[in-house]
PDB file of N, CA and C in Angstrom:
ATOM      1  N   MET A   1      54.482 -52.967  -8.263  1.00  0.00           N
ATOM      2  CA  MET A   1      54.008 -54.320  -8.143  1.00  0.00           C
ATOM      3  C   MET A   1      54.170 -54.729  -6.635  1.00  0.00           C
ATOM      4  N   HIS A   2      53.224 -55.421  -6.149  1.00  0.00           N
ATOM      5  CA  HIS A   2      53.180 -55.837  -4.766  1.00  0.00           C
ATOM      6  C   HIS A   2      52.882 -57.305  -4.746  1.00  0.00           C
ATOM      7  N   ARG A   3      53.635 -58.021  -3.905  1.00  0.00           N
ATOM      8  CA  ARG A   3      53.376 -59.499  -3.710  1.00  0.00           C
ATOM      9  C   ARG A   3      53.495 -59.811  -2.331  1.00  0.00           C
ATOM     10  N   VAL A   4      52.482 -60.595  -1.899  1.00  0.00           N
ATOM     11  CA  VAL A   4      52.428 -61.045  -0.501  1.00  0.00           C
ATOM     12  C   VAL A   4      52.481 -62.547  -0.469  1.00  0.00           C
ATOM     13  N   VAL A   5      53.402 -63.112   0.347  1.00  0.00           N
ATOM     14  CA  VAL A   5      53.551 -64.546   0.410  1.00  0.00           C
ATOM     15  C   VAL A   5      53.353 -64.933   1.880  1.00  0.00           C
ATOM     16  N   GLN A   6      52.858 -66.103   2.045  1.00  0.00           N
ATOM     17  CA  GLN A   6      52.669 -66.652   3.416  1.00  0.00           C
ATOM     18  C   GLN A   6      53.968 -67.038   4.001  1.00  0.00           C
ATOM     19  N   PRO A   7      54.187 -66.645   5.203  1.00  0.00           N
ATOM     20  CA  PRO A   7      55.509 -67.033   5.808  1.00  0.00           C
ATOM     21  C   PRO A   7      55.640 -68.529   5.978  1.00  0.00           C
ATOM     22  N   VAL A   8      56.862 -69.074   5.796  1.00  0.00           N
ATOM     23  CA  VAL A   8      57.125 -70.451   5.909  1.00  0.00           C
ATOM     24  C   VAL A   8      56.618 -71.068   7.232  1.00  0.00           C
ATOM     25  N   SER A   9      56.692 -70.293   8.262  1.00  0.00           N
ATOM     26  CA  SER A   9      56.369 -70.769   9.648  1.00  0.00           C
ATOM     27  C   SER A   9      54.876 -71.206   9.701  1.00  0.00           C
ATOM     28  N   THR A  10      54.007 -70.693   8.838  1.00  0.00           N
ATOM     29  CA  THR A  10      52.591 -70.968   8.867  1.00  0.00           C
ATOM     30  C   THR A  10      52.369 -72.454   8.325  1.00  0.00           C
ATOM     31  N   ASN A  11      53.376 -73.020   7.629  1.00  0.00           N
ATOM     32  CA  ASN A  11      53.270 -74.359   7.192  1.00  0.00           C
ATOM     33  C   ASN A  11      53.599 -75.364   8.282  1.00  0.00           C
ATOM     34  N   LEU A  12      54.027 -74.919   9.416  1.00  0.00           N
ATOM     35  CA  LEU A  12      54.465 -75.748  10.457  1.00  0.00           C
ATOM     36  C   LEU A  12      53.307 -76.174  11.430  1.00  0.00           C
ATOM     37  N   GLY A  13      52.134 -75.688  11.208  1.00  0.00           N
ATOM     38  CA  GLY A  13      50.980 -76.027  12.058  1.00  0.00           C
ATOM     39  C   GLY A  13      50.378 -74.858  12.623  1.00  0.00           C
ATOM     40  N   GLU A  14      49.257 -75.091  13.308  1.00  0.00           N
ATOM     41  CA  GLU A  14      48.440 -73.921  13.911  1.00  0.00           C
ATOM     42  C   GLU A  14      49.221 -73.227  15.039  1.00  0.00           C
ATOM     43  N   LYS A  15      50.101 -73.962  15.771  1.00  0.00           N
ATOM     44  CA  LYS A  15      50.726 -73.302  16.908  1.00  0.00           C
ATOM     45  C   LYS A  15      52.004 -72.550  16.539  1.00  0.00           C
ATOM     46  N   ALA A  16      52.348 -72.508  15.257  1.00  0.00           N
ATOM     47  CA  ALA A  16      53.527 -71.776  14.885  1.00  0.00           C
ATOM     48  C   ALA A  16      53.284 -70.200  15.108  1.00  0.00           C
ATOM     49  N   LEU A  17      54.345 -69.658  15.564  1.00  0.00           N
ATOM     50  CA  LEU A  17      54.309 -68.194  15.835  1.00  0.00           C
ATOM     51  C   LEU A  17      54.814 -67.448  14.558  1.00  0.00           C
ATOM     52  N   ILE A  18      54.017 -66.503  14.111  1.00  0.00           N
ATOM     53  CA  ILE A  18      54.376 -65.728  12.925  1.00  0.00           C
ATOM     54  C   ILE A  18      54.897 -64.371  13.438  1.00  0.00           C
ATOM     55  N   GLN A  19      56.067 -64.009  13.023  1.00  0.00           N
ATOM     56  CA  GLN A  19      56.670 -62.790  13.499  1.00  0.00           C
ATOM     57  C   GLN A  19      55.891 -61.663  12.848  1.00  0.00           C
ATOM     58  N   GLU A  20      55.823 -60.514  13.590  1.00  0.00           N
ATOM     59  CA  GLU A  20      55.200 -59.320  13.094  1.00  0.00           C
ATOM     60  C   GLU A  20      56.028 -58.823  11.843  1.00  0.00           C
ATOM     61  N   ARG A  21      55.228 -58.364  10.900  1.00  0.00           N
ATOM     62  CA  ARG A  21      55.899 -57.811   9.656  1.00  0.00           C
ATOM     63  C   ARG A  21      55.425 -56.412   9.408  1.00  0.00           C
ATOM     64  N   TRP A  22      56.232 -55.678   8.713  1.00  0.00           N
ATOM     65  CA  TRP A  22      55.818 -54.277   8.395  1.00  0.00           C
ATOM     66  C   TRP A  22      55.921 -54.161   6.847  1.00  0.00           C
ATOM     67  N   SER A  23      55.025 -53.349   6.308  1.00  0.00           N
ATOM     68  CA  SER A  23      55.096 -52.979   4.911  1.00  0.00           C
ATOM     69  C   SER A  23      55.424 -51.491   4.828  1.00  0.00           C
ATOM     70  N   VAL A  24      56.316 -51.178   3.890  1.00  0.00           N
ATOM     71  CA  VAL A  24      56.730 -49.807   3.738  1.00  0.00           C
ATOM     72  C   VAL A  24      56.526 -49.483   2.194  1.00  0.00           C
ATOM     73  N   PRO A  25      55.600 -48.507   1.951  1.00  0.00           N
ATOM     74  CA  PRO A  25      55.381 -48.141   0.529  1.00  0.00           C
ATOM     75  C   PRO A  25      56.534 -47.215   0.012  1.00  0.00           C
ATOM     76  N   TYR A  26      56.877 -47.419  -1.203  1.00  0.00           N
ATOM     77  CA  TYR A  26      57.680 -46.407  -1.853  1.00  0.00           C
ATOM     78  C   TYR A  26      56.997 -45.902  -3.063  1.00  0.00           C
ATOM     79  N   LEU A  27      56.732 -44.655  -3.007  1.00  0.00           N
ATOM     80  CA  LEU A  27      55.936 -43.932  -4.047  1.00  0.00           C
ATOM     81  C   LEU A  27      56.935 -43.309  -4.987  1.00  0.00           C
ATOM     82  N   LEU A  28      56.842 -43.698  -6.249  1.00  0.00           N
ATOM     83  CA  LEU A  28      57.738 -43.223  -7.346  1.00  0.00           C
ATOM     84  C   LEU A  28      56.970 -42.670  -8.477  1.00  0.00           C
ATOM     85  N   LYS A  29      57.581 -41.852  -9.265  1.00  0.00           N
ATOM     86  CA  LYS A  29      56.995 -41.345 -10.432  1.00  0.00           C
ATOM     87  C   LYS A  29      57.865 -41.621 -11.586  1.00  0.00           C
ATOM     88  N   ALA A  30      57.257 -42.224 -12.671  1.00  0.00           N
ATOM     89  CA  ALA A  30      58.093 -42.574 -13.850  1.00  0.00           C
ATOM     90  C   ALA A  30      58.478 -41.350 -14.590  1.00  0.00           C
ATOM     91  N   ARG A  31      59.539 -41.501 -15.397  1.00  0.00           N
ATOM     92  CA  ARG A  31      59.929 -40.484 -16.332  1.00  0.00           C
ATOM     93  C   ARG A  31      58.757 -40.245 -17.268  1.00  0.00           C
ATOM     94  N   ARG A  32      58.534 -39.042 -17.736  1.00  0.00           N
ATOM     95  CA  ARG A  32      57.445 -38.726 -18.598  1.00  0.00           C
ATOM     96  C   ARG A  32      57.392 -39.501 -19.841  1.00  0.00           C
ATOM     97  N   ASP A  33      58.625 -39.842 -20.381  1.00  0.00           N
ATOM     98  CA  ASP A  33      58.693 -40.560 -21.637  1.00  0.00           C
ATOM     99  C   ASP A  33      58.786 -42.137 -21.511  1.00  0.00           C
ATOM    100  N   ALA A  34      58.746 -42.601 -20.233  1.00  0.00           N
ATOM    101  CA  ALA A  34      58.834 -43.977 -19.974  1.00  0.00           C
ATOM    102  C   ALA A  34      57.485 -44.691 -20.408  1.00  0.00           C
ATOM    103  N   LEU A  35      57.544 -45.793 -21.018  1.00  0.00           N
ATOM    104  CA  LEU A  35      56.369 -46.518 -21.412  1.00  0.00           C
ATOM    105  C   LEU A  35      55.705 -47.262 -20.242  1.00  0.00           C
ATOM    106  N   VAL A  36      54.383 -47.118 -20.090  1.00  0.00           N
ATOM    107  CA  VAL A  36      53.631 -47.760 -19.027  1.00  0.00           C
ATOM    108  C   VAL A  36      52.772 -48.837 -19.770  1.00  0.00           C
ATOM    109  N   GLY A  37      52.976 -50.080 -19.341  1.00  0.00           N
ATOM    110  CA  GLY A  37      52.197 -51.146 -19.948  1.00  0.00           C
ATOM    111  C   GLY A  37      52.459 -52.416 -19.210  1.00  0.00           C
ATOM    112  N   ALA A  38      51.898 -53.499 -19.794  1.00  0.00           N
ATOM    113  CA  ALA A  38      52.015 -54.776 -19.147  1.00  0.00           C
ATOM    114  C   ALA A  38      53.487 -55.263 -19.226  1.00  0.00           C
ATOM    115  N   LEU A  39      53.958 -55.951 -18.190  1.00  0.00           N
ATOM    116  CA  LEU A  39      55.322 -56.481 -18.206  1.00  0.00           C
ATOM    117  C   LEU A  39      55.337 -57.677 -19.186  1.00  0.00           C
ATOM    118  N   PRO A  40      56.397 -57.755 -20.041  1.00  0.00           N
ATOM    119  CA  PRO A  40      56.438 -58.814 -21.036  1.00  0.00           C
ATOM    120  C   PRO A  40      56.258 -60.254 -20.548  1.00  0.00           C
ATOM    121  N   GLU A  41      56.758 -60.469 -19.291  1.00  0.00           N
ATOM    122  CA  GLU A  41      56.676 -61.814 -18.772  1.00  0.00           C
ATOM    123  C   GLU A  41      55.269 -62.245 -18.479  1.00  0.00           C
ATOM    124  N   PHE A  42      54.279 -61.257 -18.501  1.00  0.00           N
ATOM    125  CA  PHE A  42      52.935 -61.593 -18.191  1.00  0.00           C
ATOM    126  C   PHE A  42      52.068 -61.584 -19.472  1.00  0.00           C
ATOM    127  N   VAL A  43      52.624 -61.300 -20.563  1.00  0.00           N
ATOM    128  CA  VAL A  43      51.938 -61.282 -21.888  1.00  0.00           C
ATOM    129  C   VAL A  43      52.291 -62.504 -22.680  1.00  0.00           C
ATOM    130  N   THR A  44      51.338 -63.276 -23.142  1.00  0.00           N
ATOM    131  CA  THR A  44      51.524 -64.522 -23.912  1.00  0.00           C
ATOM    132  C   THR A  44      50.574 -64.463 -25.006  1.00  0.00           C
ATOM    133  N   PRO A  45      50.737 -65.371 -26.041  1.00  0.00           N
ATOM    134  CA  PRO A  45      49.665 -65.453 -27.084  1.00  0.00           C
ATOM    135  C   PRO A  45      48.318 -65.881 -26.470  1.00  0.00           C
ATOM    136  N   GLN A  46      48.313 -66.615 -25.406  1.00  0.00           N
ATOM    137  CA  GLN A  46      47.080 -67.097 -24.790  1.00  0.00           C
ATOM    138  C   GLN A  46      46.458 -65.942 -23.924  1.00  0.00           C
ATOM    139  N   VAL A  47      47.355 -65.154 -23.345  1.00  0.00           N
ATOM    140  CA  VAL A  47      46.913 -64.007 -22.487  1.00  0.00           C
ATOM    141  C   VAL A  47      47.532 -62.722 -23.027  1.00  0.00           C
ATOM    142  N   PRO A  48      46.896 -62.066 -23.953  1.00  0.00           N
ATOM    143  CA  PRO A  48      47.517 -60.832 -24.519  1.00  0.00           C
ATOM    144  C   PRO A  48      47.275 -59.691 -23.576  1.00  0.00           C
ATOM    145  N   SER A  49      48.021 -58.646 -23.809  1.00  0.00           N
ATOM    146  CA  SER A  49      47.854 -57.448 -22.977  1.00  0.00           C
ATOM    147  C   SER A  49      46.508 -56.872 -23.165  1.00  0.00           C
ATOM    148  N   ALA A  50      45.887 -56.424 -22.092  1.00  0.00           N
ATOM    149  CA  ALA A  50      44.492 -55.851 -22.224  1.00  0.00           C
ATOM    150  C   ALA A  50      44.573 -54.405 -22.677  1.00  0.00           C
ATOM    151  N   TYR A  51      45.739 -53.703 -22.593  1.00  0.00           N
ATOM    152  CA  TYR A  51      45.911 -52.360 -22.945  1.00  0.00           C
ATOM    153  C   TYR A  51      47.202 -52.115 -23.748  1.00  0.00           C
ATOM    154  N   ASP A  52      47.205 -51.111 -24.582  1.00  0.00           N
ATOM    155  CA  ASP A  52      48.447 -50.739 -25.270  1.00  0.00           C
ATOM    156  C   ASP A  52      49.380 -50.030 -24.313  1.00  0.00           C
ATOM    157  N   SER A  53      50.579 -50.074 -24.561  1.00  0.00           N
ATOM    158  CA  SER A  53      51.578 -49.310 -23.771  1.00  0.00           C
ATOM    159  C   SER A  53      51.485 -47.860 -24.179  1.00  0.00           C
ATOM    160  N   ILE A  54      51.605 -46.956 -23.165  1.00  0.00           N
ATOM    161  CA  ILE A  54      51.494 -45.497 -23.430  1.00  0.00           C
ATOM    162  C   ILE A  54      52.571 -44.786 -22.603  1.00  0.00           C
ATOM    163  N   PRO A  55      52.955 -43.605 -23.080  1.00  0.00           N
ATOM    164  CA  PRO A  55      53.988 -42.787 -22.253  1.00  0.00           C
ATOM    165  C   PRO A  55      53.400 -42.498 -20.829  1.00  0.00           C
ATOM    166  N   ALA A  56      54.272 -42.471 -19.875  1.00  0.00           N
ATOM    167  CA  ALA A  56      53.877 -42.246 -18.458  1.00  0.00           C
ATOM    168  C   ALA A  56      53.106 -40.915 -18.374  1.00  0.00           C
ATOM    169  N   LEU A  57      53.533 -39.895 -19.068  1.00  0.00           N
ATOM    170  CA  LEU A  57      52.835 -38.603 -18.989  1.00  0.00           C
ATOM    171  C   LEU A  57      51.475 -38.669 -19.481  1.00  0.00           C
ATOM    172  N   ASP A  58      51.188 -39.427 -20.611  1.00  0.00           N
ATOM    173  CA  ASP A  58      49.820 -39.573 -21.019  1.00  0.00           C
ATOM    174  C   ASP A  58      48.944 -40.338 -20.053  1.00  0.00           C
ATOM    175  N   PHE A  59      49.586 -41.340 -19.380  1.00  0.00           N
ATOM    176  CA  PHE A  59      48.850 -42.058 -18.411  1.00  0.00           C
ATOM    177  C   PHE A  59      48.473 -41.212 -17.244  1.00  0.00           C
ATOM    178  N   GLN A  60      49.407 -40.392 -16.763  1.00  0.00           N
ATOM    179  CA  GLN A  60      49.175 -39.534 -15.636  1.00  0.00           C
ATOM    180  C   GLN A  60      48.112 -38.520 -16.011  1.00  0.00           C
ATOM    181  N   LEU A  61      48.172 -37.929 -17.186  1.00  0.00           N
ATOM    182  CA  LEU A  61      47.088 -36.974 -17.562  1.00  0.00           C
ATOM    183  C   LEU A  61      45.715 -37.604 -17.656  1.00  0.00           C
ATOM    184  N   MET A  62      45.741 -38.866 -18.165  1.00  0.00           N
ATOM    185  CA  MET A  62      44.472 -39.632 -18.307  1.00  0.00           C
ATOM    186  C   MET A  62      43.875 -39.832 -16.931  1.00  0.00           C
ATOM    187  N   ARG A  63      44.732 -40.312 -15.947  1.00  0.00           N
ATOM    188  CA  ARG A  63      44.241 -40.551 -14.572  1.00  0.00           C
ATOM    189  C   ARG A  63      43.788 -39.273 -13.915  1.00  0.00           C
ATOM    190  N   GLN A  64      44.451 -38.184 -14.113  1.00  0.00           N
ATOM    191  CA  GLN A  64      44.047 -36.910 -13.589  1.00  0.00           C
ATOM    192  C   GLN A  64      42.650 -36.479 -14.171  1.00  0.00           C
ATOM    193  N   HIS A  65      42.548 -36.679 -15.385  1.00  0.00           N
ATOM    194  CA  HIS A  65      41.187 -36.243 -16.027  1.00  0.00           C
ATOM    195  C   HIS A  65      40.097 -37.169 -15.517  1.00  0.00           C
ATOM    196  N   GLN A  66      40.369 -38.425 -15.381  1.00  0.00           N
ATOM    197  CA  GLN A  66      39.312 -39.334 -14.822  1.00  0.00           C
ATOM    198  C   GLN A  66      38.981 -38.936 -13.393  1.00  0.00           C
ATOM    199  N   GLY A  67      40.019 -38.703 -12.590  1.00  0.00           N
ATOM    200  CA  GLY A  67      39.862 -38.247 -11.266  1.00  0.00           C
ATOM    201  C   GLY A  67      39.017 -37.013 -11.108  1.00  0.00           C
ATOM    202  N   ASN A  68      39.317 -36.047 -11.991  1.00  0.00           N
ATOM    203  CA  ASN A  68      38.579 -34.804 -11.974  1.00  0.00           C
ATOM    204  C   ASN A  68      37.126 -35.033 -12.294  1.00  0.00           C
ATOM    205  N   LYS A  69      36.855 -35.848 -13.296  1.00  0.00           N
ATOM    206  CA  LYS A  69      35.452 -36.192 -13.630  1.00  0.00           C
ATOM    207  C   LYS A  69      34.703 -36.834 -12.461  1.00  0.00           C
ATOM    208  N   LEU A  70      35.422 -37.778 -11.781  1.00  0.00           N
ATOM    209  CA  LEU A  70      34.757 -38.412 -10.612  1.00  0.00           C
ATOM    210  C   LEU A  70      34.474 -37.427  -9.553  1.00  0.00           C
ATOM    211  N   PHE A  71      35.490 -36.541  -9.357  1.00  0.00           N
ATOM    212  CA  PHE A  71      35.360 -35.523  -8.290  1.00  0.00           C
ATOM    213  C   PHE A  71      34.138 -34.604  -8.572  1.00  0.00           C
ATOM    214  N   LEU A  72      34.016 -34.176  -9.825  1.00  0.00           N
ATOM    215  CA  LEU A  72      32.999 -33.274 -10.170  1.00  0.00           C
ATOM    216  C   LEU A  72      31.589 -33.918 -10.108  1.00  0.00           C
ATOM    217  N   GLN A  73      31.645 -35.255 -10.445  1.00  0.00           N
ATOM    218  CA  GLN A  73      30.297 -35.945 -10.381  1.00  0.00           C
ATOM    219  C   GLN A  73      29.889 -36.087  -8.873  1.00  0.00           C
ATOM    220  N   GLN A  74      30.829 -36.234  -8.025  1.00  0.00           N
ATOM    221  CA  GLN A  74      30.464 -36.450  -6.557  1.00  0.00           C
ATOM    222  C   GLN A  74      30.062 -35.172  -5.947  1.00  0.00           C
ATOM    223  N   TYR A  75      30.688 -34.024  -6.347  1.00  0.00           N
ATOM    224  CA  TYR A  75      30.478 -32.832  -5.596  1.00  0.00           C
ATOM    225  C   TYR A  75      29.756 -31.696  -6.378  1.00  0.00           C
ATOM    226  N   THR A  76      29.171 -32.048  -7.552  1.00  0.00           N
ATOM    227  CA  THR A  76      28.425 -31.047  -8.280  1.00  0.00           C
ATOM    228  C   THR A  76      26.973 -31.299  -8.032  1.00  0.00           C
ATOM    229  N   PRO A  77      26.229 -30.269  -7.585  1.00  0.00           N
ATOM    230  CA  PRO A  77      24.771 -30.433  -7.302  1.00  0.00           C
ATOM    231  C   PRO A  77      23.985 -30.764  -8.557  1.00  0.00           C
TER     232      PRO A  77
END
């Protein structure tokens, strides 16, 4: 999950100086049996989850298969 917020200093006017910021990615891999799905706090009766939760291994295999299909489509004459 990634969230970007506007620094408070930008609310002080156009002449406010915004300090330089750095973003550092952390790449992680879920346990194979961990469920991948919508976070409960974002699922409501009005806004249901668009996808079912699935094990992380199934998600990874699905993504690899999709990536392979895209790769083959791009590079197959």
